[in-house]
């Protein structure tokens, strides 16, 4: 897949900002996207995919997930998460669909889908699943 030069430039800028100022990356990103929306309207589809991948990486890092890959109908996420933490997080997930699909085996979270999805739909499924897991992080504030 090829990307427009403006899409690559924006992705590069976001990567550089996150590398230099990890804590402030989200603030700069939101300002950048507000300015882009104001000047150019809705981002192209390829930009949406890049942004989704960036947010996915950020959520994965917050969750201690270091690698995500798929094979057929299986999704694998390498993690350093303990069984206790995984159980607490999955129990606080709102969606039964994602909660019931996830299993922690050793150092991997596995999910078996009902059928093999095309790449873009697979990205959306993983994004939604990690968003659900990420939303459960505030549960740890109580403990």
C-alpha atoms as a PDB file:
ATOM      1  CA  UNK A   1       0.000   0.000   0.000  1.00  0.00           C
ATOM      2  CA  UNK A   2       1.403   3.428  -0.863  1.00  0.00           C
ATOM      3  CA  UNK A   3       0.649   6.546   1.146  1.00  0.00           C
ATOM      4  CA  UNK A   4       0.388  10.176   0.166  1.00  0.00           C
ATOM      5  CA  UNK A   5       3.462  12.256   1.095  1.00  0.00           C
ATOM      6  CA  UNK A   6       1.334  14.320   3.510  1.00  0.00           C
ATOM      7  CA  UNK A   7       0.234  11.148   5.297  1.00  0.00           C
ATOM      8  CA  UNK A   8       3.826   9.958   5.667  1.00  0.00           C
ATOM      9  CA  UNK A   9       4.936  13.402   6.852  1.00  0.00           C
ATOM     10  CA  UNK A  10       2.221  13.505   9.506  1.00  0.00           C
ATOM     11  CA  UNK A  11       3.004   9.969  10.691  1.00  0.00           C
ATOM     12  CA  UNK A  12       6.705  10.848  10.856  1.00  0.00           C
ATOM     13  CA  UNK A  13       5.953  13.999  12.838  1.00  0.00           C
ATOM     14  CA  UNK A  14       3.844  12.043  15.318  1.00  0.00           C
ATOM     15  CA  UNK A  15       6.578   9.422  15.686  1.00  0.00           C
ATOM     16  CA  UNK A  16       9.221  12.088  16.329  1.00  0.00           C
ATOM     17  CA  UNK A  17       7.029  13.893  18.887  1.00  0.00           C
ATOM     18  CA  UNK A  18       6.339  10.621  20.721  1.00  0.00           C
ATOM     19  CA  UNK A  19      10.051   9.776  20.722  1.00  0.00           C
ATOM     20  CA  UNK A  20      11.171  13.143  22.067  1.00  0.00           C
ATOM     21  CA  UNK A  21       8.320  13.942  24.475  1.00  0.00           C
ATOM     22  CA  UNK A  22       6.417  10.707  25.253  1.00  0.00           C
ATOM     23  CA  UNK A  23       4.253  12.335  27.915  1.00  0.00           C
ATOM     24  CA  UNK A  24       3.208  15.220  25.683  1.00  0.00           C
ATOM     25  CA  UNK A  25       2.693  13.238  22.478  1.00  0.00           C
ATOM     26  CA  UNK A  26      -1.082  12.990  22.846  1.00  0.00           C
ATOM     27  CA  UNK A  27      -1.421  16.751  23.415  1.00  0.00           C
ATOM     28  CA  UNK A  28       0.622  17.562  20.306  1.00  0.00           C
ATOM     29  CA  UNK A  29      -1.242  14.947  18.270  1.00  0.00           C
ATOM     30  CA  UNK A  30      -4.639  16.373  19.128  1.00  0.00           C
ATOM     31  CA  UNK A  31      -3.467  19.917  18.275  1.00  0.00           C
ATOM     32  CA  UNK A  32      -2.000  18.683  14.988  1.00  0.00           C
ATOM     33  CA  UNK A  33      -5.186  16.852  14.003  1.00  0.00           C
ATOM     34  CA  UNK A  34      -7.400  19.785  14.952  1.00  0.00           C
ATOM     35  CA  UNK A  35      -5.331  22.021  12.669  1.00  0.00           C
ATOM     36  CA  UNK A  36      -5.374  19.465   9.842  1.00  0.00           C
ATOM     37  CA  UNK A  37      -9.163  19.045  10.127  1.00  0.00           C
ATOM     38  CA  UNK A  38      -9.701  22.782  10.184  1.00  0.00           C
ATOM     39  CA  UNK A  39      -7.544  23.369   7.092  1.00  0.00           C
ATOM     40  CA  UNK A  40      -8.104  20.236   5.003  1.00  0.00           C
ATOM     41  CA  UNK A  41     -11.271  18.538   6.240  1.00  0.00           C
ATOM     42  CA  UNK A  42     -11.550  14.831   6.964  1.00  0.00           C
ATOM     43  CA  UNK A  43      -8.321  12.853   6.672  1.00  0.00           C
ATOM     44  CA  UNK A  44      -7.909  10.360   3.815  1.00  0.00           C
ATOM     45  CA  UNK A  45      -8.645   6.693   4.487  1.00  0.00           C
ATOM     46  CA  UNK A  46      -4.938   5.812   4.443  1.00  0.00           C
ATOM     47  CA  UNK A  47      -4.337   8.400   7.181  1.00  0.00           C
ATOM     48  CA  UNK A  48      -7.138   6.909   9.277  1.00  0.00           C
ATOM     49  CA  UNK A  49      -5.431   3.519   9.070  1.00  0.00           C
ATOM     50  CA  UNK A  50      -2.058   4.969  10.088  1.00  0.00           C
ATOM     51  CA  UNK A  51      -3.679   6.790  13.015  1.00  0.00           C
ATOM     52  CA  UNK A  52      -5.490   3.659  14.108  1.00  0.00           C
ATOM     53  CA  UNK A  53      -2.190   1.741  14.057  1.00  0.00           C
ATOM     54  CA  UNK A  54      -0.510   4.471  16.117  1.00  0.00           C
ATOM     55  CA  UNK A  55      -3.274   4.455  18.726  1.00  0.00           C
ATOM     56  CA  UNK A  56      -3.201   0.654  18.734  1.00  0.00           C
ATOM     57  CA  UNK A  57       0.548   0.686  19.476  1.00  0.00           C
ATOM     58  CA  UNK A  58       0.067   3.195  22.271  1.00  0.00           C
ATOM     59  CA  UNK A  59      -2.715   1.151  23.894  1.00  0.00           C
ATOM     60  CA  UNK A  60      -0.661  -2.035  23.514  1.00  0.00           C
ATOM     61  CA  UNK A  61       2.341  -0.388  25.185  1.00  0.00           C
ATOM     62  CA  UNK A  62       0.154   0.825  28.061  1.00  0.00           C
ATOM     63  CA  UNK A  63      -1.083  -2.750  28.496  1.00  0.00           C
ATOM     64  CA  UNK A  64       2.392  -4.294  28.400  1.00  0.00           C
ATOM     65  CA  UNK A  65       1.815  -5.887  24.994  1.00  0.00           C
ATOM     66  CA  UNK A  66       5.044  -5.901  22.987  1.00  0.00           C
ATOM     67  CA  UNK A  67       4.031  -7.721  19.812  1.00  0.00           C
ATOM     68  CA  UNK A  68       0.771  -8.428  17.974  1.00  0.00           C
ATOM     69  CA  UNK A  69       0.474 -10.834  15.070  1.00  0.00           C
ATOM     70  CA  UNK A  70      -2.098 -13.125  13.501  1.00  0.00           C
ATOM     71  CA  UNK A  71      -2.135 -16.486  11.834  1.00  0.00           C
ATOM     72  CA  UNK A  72      -5.333 -17.610  10.178  1.00  0.00           C
ATOM     73  CA  UNK A  73      -8.183 -17.126  12.652  1.00  0.00           C
ATOM     74  CA  UNK A  74      -5.824 -16.692  15.637  1.00  0.00           C
ATOM     75  CA  UNK A  75      -4.496 -13.425  17.058  1.00  0.00           C
ATOM     76  CA  UNK A  76      -1.443 -13.508  19.331  1.00  0.00           C
ATOM     77  CA  UNK A  77      -0.311 -10.708  21.630  1.00  0.00           C
ATOM     78  CA  UNK A  78       3.002 -11.131  23.443  1.00  0.00           C
ATOM     79  CA  UNK A  79       2.777  -9.647  26.930  1.00  0.00           C
ATOM     80  CA  UNK A  80       4.380  -9.541  30.345  1.00  0.00           C
ATOM     81  CA  UNK A  81       0.959  -9.439  32.045  1.00  0.00           C
ATOM     82  CA  UNK A  82       0.325 -11.744  34.988  1.00  0.00           C
ATOM     83  CA  UNK A  83      -2.672 -14.080  35.106  1.00  0.00           C
ATOM     84  CA  UNK A  84      -4.158 -12.105  38.022  1.00  0.00           C
ATOM     85  CA  UNK A  85      -3.930  -8.787  36.170  1.00  0.00           C
ATOM     86  CA  UNK A  86      -5.322 -10.358  32.975  1.00  0.00           C
ATOM     87  CA  UNK A  87      -8.273 -11.809  34.899  1.00  0.00           C
ATOM     88  CA  UNK A  88      -9.047  -8.483  36.602  1.00  0.00           C
ATOM     89  CA  UNK A  89      -8.888  -6.637  33.296  1.00  0.00           C
ATOM     90  CA  UNK A  90     -11.020  -9.070  31.327  1.00  0.00           C
ATOM     91  CA  UNK A  91     -13.620  -9.226  34.099  1.00  0.00           C
ATOM     92  CA  UNK A  92     -14.042  -5.460  33.919  1.00  0.00           C
ATOM     93  CA  UNK A  93     -14.437  -5.434  30.108  1.00  0.00           C
ATOM     94  CA  UNK A  94     -17.859  -4.263  28.944  1.00  0.00           C
ATOM     95  CA  UNK A  95     -18.117  -6.485  25.860  1.00  0.00           C
ATOM     96  CA  UNK A  96     -18.683 -10.223  26.188  1.00  0.00           C
ATOM     97  CA  UNK A  97     -17.531 -10.625  22.583  1.00  0.00           C
ATOM     98  CA  UNK A  98     -13.969  -9.558  23.331  1.00  0.00           C
ATOM     99  CA  UNK A  99     -13.873 -10.898  26.903  1.00  0.00           C
ATOM    100  CA  UNK A 100     -14.855 -14.412  25.838  1.00  0.00           C
ATOM    101  CA  UNK A 101     -12.418 -14.459  22.918  1.00  0.00           C
ATOM    102  CA  UNK A 102      -9.304 -13.717  25.017  1.00  0.00           C
ATOM    103  CA  UNK A 103      -7.184 -16.321  26.789  1.00  0.00           C
ATOM    104  CA  UNK A 104      -3.823 -15.842  28.509  1.00  0.00           C
ATOM    105  CA  UNK A 105      -1.423 -18.725  27.920  1.00  0.00           C
ATOM    106  CA  UNK A 106       2.079 -18.187  29.257  1.00  0.00           C
ATOM    107  CA  UNK A 107       3.357 -14.901  27.875  1.00  0.00           C
ATOM    108  CA  UNK A 108       0.698 -14.575  25.146  1.00  0.00           C
ATOM    109  CA  UNK A 109      -2.848 -13.360  25.008  1.00  0.00           C
ATOM    110  CA  UNK A 110      -4.636 -15.398  22.362  1.00  0.00           C
ATOM    111  CA  UNK A 111      -7.912 -14.764  20.603  1.00  0.00           C
ATOM    112  CA  UNK A 112      -9.598 -17.162  18.219  1.00  0.00           C
ATOM    113  CA  UNK A 113     -11.954 -15.558  15.738  1.00  0.00           C
ATOM    114  CA  UNK A 114     -14.857 -17.381  14.119  1.00  0.00           C
ATOM    115  CA  UNK A 115     -13.445 -16.726  10.659  1.00  0.00           C
ATOM    116  CA  UNK A 116     -10.363 -15.244   9.050  1.00  0.00           C
ATOM    117  CA  UNK A 117     -10.821 -11.499   8.571  1.00  0.00           C
ATOM    118  CA  UNK A 118      -9.411  -9.246   5.844  1.00  0.00           C
ATOM    119  CA  UNK A 119      -6.554  -7.011   7.083  1.00  0.00           C
ATOM    120  CA  UNK A 120      -8.595  -3.860   7.644  1.00  0.00           C
ATOM    121  CA  UNK A 121     -11.347  -5.698   9.540  1.00  0.00           C
ATOM    122  CA  UNK A 122      -8.695  -7.528  11.557  1.00  0.00           C
ATOM    123  CA  UNK A 123      -7.126  -4.181  12.473  1.00  0.00           C
ATOM    124  CA  UNK A 124     -10.551  -2.901  13.575  1.00  0.00           C
ATOM    125  CA  UNK A 125     -11.189  -6.025  15.686  1.00  0.00           C
ATOM    126  CA  UNK A 126      -7.804  -5.774  17.423  1.00  0.00           C
ATOM    127  CA  UNK A 127      -8.271  -2.023  17.922  1.00  0.00           C
ATOM    128  CA  UNK A 128     -11.694  -2.476  19.550  1.00  0.00           C
ATOM    129  CA  UNK A 129     -10.436  -5.351  21.694  1.00  0.00           C
ATOM    130  CA  UNK A 130      -7.448  -3.359  22.977  1.00  0.00           C
ATOM    131  CA  UNK A 131      -9.675  -0.312  23.513  1.00  0.00           C
ATOM    132  CA  UNK A 132     -11.860  -2.478  25.778  1.00  0.00           C
ATOM    133  CA  UNK A 133      -8.813  -3.764  27.671  1.00  0.00           C
ATOM    134  CA  UNK A 134      -7.354  -0.258  27.880  1.00  0.00           C
ATOM    135  CA  UNK A 135     -10.623   1.098  29.277  1.00  0.00           C
ATOM    136  CA  UNK A 136     -10.262  -1.341  32.181  1.00  0.00           C
ATOM    137  CA  UNK A 137      -6.978   0.244  33.351  1.00  0.00           C
ATOM    138  CA  UNK A 138      -8.750   2.616  35.789  1.00  0.00           C
ATOM    139  CA  UNK A 139      -9.867  -0.455  37.769  1.00  0.00           C
ATOM    140  CA  UNK A 140      -6.319  -0.687  39.065  1.00  0.00           C
ATOM    141  CA  UNK A 141      -6.573   2.722  40.700  1.00  0.00           C
ATOM    142  CA  UNK A 142      -8.777   1.130  43.373  1.00  0.00           C
ATOM    143  CA  UNK A 143      -6.064  -1.408  44.169  1.00  0.00           C
END
